[in-house]
Protein backbone atom coordinates (compact mmCIF):
# COMPACT_ATOMS: atom_id res chain seq x y z
CA MET A 1 -23.57 -5.33 -79.04
CA SER A 2 -23.18 -6.51 -82.59
CA ASP A 3 -22.65 -4.31 -85.63
CA PHE A 4 -26.16 -5.08 -86.84
CA ASP A 5 -27.42 -2.03 -88.73
CA LEU A 6 -31.19 -1.77 -88.94
CA ASP A 7 -32.77 1.19 -90.70
CA LEU A 8 -36.32 1.05 -89.34
CA GLN A 9 -37.53 4.00 -91.39
CA THR A 10 -36.52 2.34 -94.66
CA ALA A 11 -37.91 -1.02 -93.52
CA GLU A 12 -41.24 0.56 -92.62
CA GLY A 13 -41.50 2.08 -96.09
CA GLU A 14 -40.93 -1.32 -97.70
CA ILE A 15 -43.67 -3.15 -95.80
CA ASP A 16 -46.68 -3.82 -98.00
CA LEU A 17 -49.73 -3.46 -95.76
CA PRO A 18 -53.29 -3.94 -96.98
CA ASP A 19 -55.55 -0.90 -97.04
CA GLY A 20 -58.09 -2.50 -94.75
CA ASP A 21 -57.90 -3.97 -91.30
CA ARG A 22 -57.17 -0.59 -89.76
CA ILE A 23 -58.98 1.40 -87.13
CA VAL A 24 -59.47 4.94 -88.40
CA LEU A 25 -60.05 7.69 -85.84
CA GLY A 26 -61.87 10.79 -87.00
CA VAL A 27 -64.27 13.58 -86.15
CA LEU A 28 -67.82 13.43 -87.44
CA ASP A 29 -68.67 17.11 -87.78
CA GLY A 30 -69.86 17.41 -91.36
CA SER A 31 -66.50 18.56 -92.75
CA THR A 32 -65.58 15.17 -94.26
CA PRO A 33 -67.58 14.17 -97.34
CA PRO A 34 -69.80 11.13 -96.67
CA GLY A 35 -68.16 9.31 -99.58
CA GLU A 36 -64.83 9.31 -97.75
CA TRP A 37 -66.35 7.49 -94.79
CA VAL A 38 -68.00 4.97 -97.12
CA ALA A 39 -64.74 4.43 -99.02
CA ALA A 40 -62.87 3.79 -95.77
CA VAL A 41 -65.43 1.16 -94.74
CA GLU A 42 -65.42 -0.40 -98.23
CA ALA A 43 -61.63 -0.73 -97.89
CA GLY A 44 -62.19 -2.84 -94.76
CA ASN A 45 -61.48 -0.22 -92.12
CA THR A 46 -63.29 0.28 -88.82
CA LEU A 47 -64.12 3.90 -88.00
CA VAL A 48 -64.25 5.44 -84.53
CA LEU A 49 -65.70 8.90 -85.00
CA ASP A 50 -66.03 11.57 -82.32
CA ILE A 51 -69.49 13.08 -82.81
CA GLU A 52 -69.62 16.87 -82.90
CA GLY A 53 -73.21 17.80 -83.64
CA GLU A 54 -76.48 15.99 -84.23
CA LEU A 55 -75.74 12.37 -85.09
CA PRO A 56 -78.80 11.73 -87.31
CA GLU A 57 -77.93 14.71 -89.52
CA LEU A 58 -74.19 13.95 -89.61
CA ALA A 59 -74.61 10.26 -90.45
CA GLU A 60 -77.48 10.48 -92.93
CA GLY A 61 -75.10 10.84 -95.87
CA PHE A 62 -73.23 7.57 -95.30
CA ALA A 63 -75.02 5.37 -92.74
CA PRO A 64 -77.55 3.88 -95.20
CA ARG A 65 -74.77 2.97 -97.63
CA VAL A 66 -72.69 1.34 -94.89
CA LYS A 67 -75.72 -0.74 -93.87
CA GLU A 68 -76.35 -1.71 -97.52
CA LEU A 69 -72.76 -2.95 -97.71
CA GLY A 70 -73.33 -5.12 -94.63
CA GLY A 71 -71.44 -2.93 -92.18
CA GLU A 72 -72.56 -2.03 -88.67
CA LEU A 73 -72.95 1.30 -86.86
CA MET A 74 -73.06 1.74 -83.09
CA HIS A 75 -73.36 4.96 -81.06
CA PHE A 76 -71.25 4.55 -77.93
CA ARG A 77 -70.41 7.27 -75.39
CA GLY A 78 -70.18 10.19 -77.78
CA PHE A 79 -68.58 8.14 -80.56
CA LEU A 80 -69.92 6.45 -83.65
CA VAL A 81 -68.27 3.08 -84.28
CA VAL A 82 -68.61 1.91 -87.87
CA SER A 83 -67.43 -1.55 -88.87
CA PRO A 84 -67.02 -3.01 -92.35
CA PRO A 85 -68.89 -6.08 -93.58
CA GLY A 86 -67.83 -9.18 -91.68
CA VAL A 87 -66.66 -7.32 -88.57
CA GLU A 88 -69.15 -7.59 -85.74
CA ILE A 89 -69.43 -4.91 -83.08
CA ASP A 90 -69.65 -7.04 -79.92
CA THR A 91 -71.69 -5.34 -77.19
CA GLY A 92 -71.80 -8.39 -74.92
CA LEU A 93 -69.67 -6.86 -72.18
CA LEU A 94 -71.72 -3.68 -71.88
CA GLY A 95 -74.18 -5.34 -69.55
């Protein structure tokens, strides 16, 4: 082995990553303000939210705004998938 010293923790802190292009996992239970979900989508993130409650009531505060922005929403197996503008939710393999 060589004497190569790599401090991964420091290197990770120096990497400049964009805010978007992330997949954000969360729980849709009414405890997160709708504006936070909208801001995450506006930043270019895709949301995968575990639904705990009645979806229409839980999503009414942010779903219209996401659609206005050009994002997509898809209910899939107990989750709500929310994509930012320009990111298509492909359902072609669902059958």
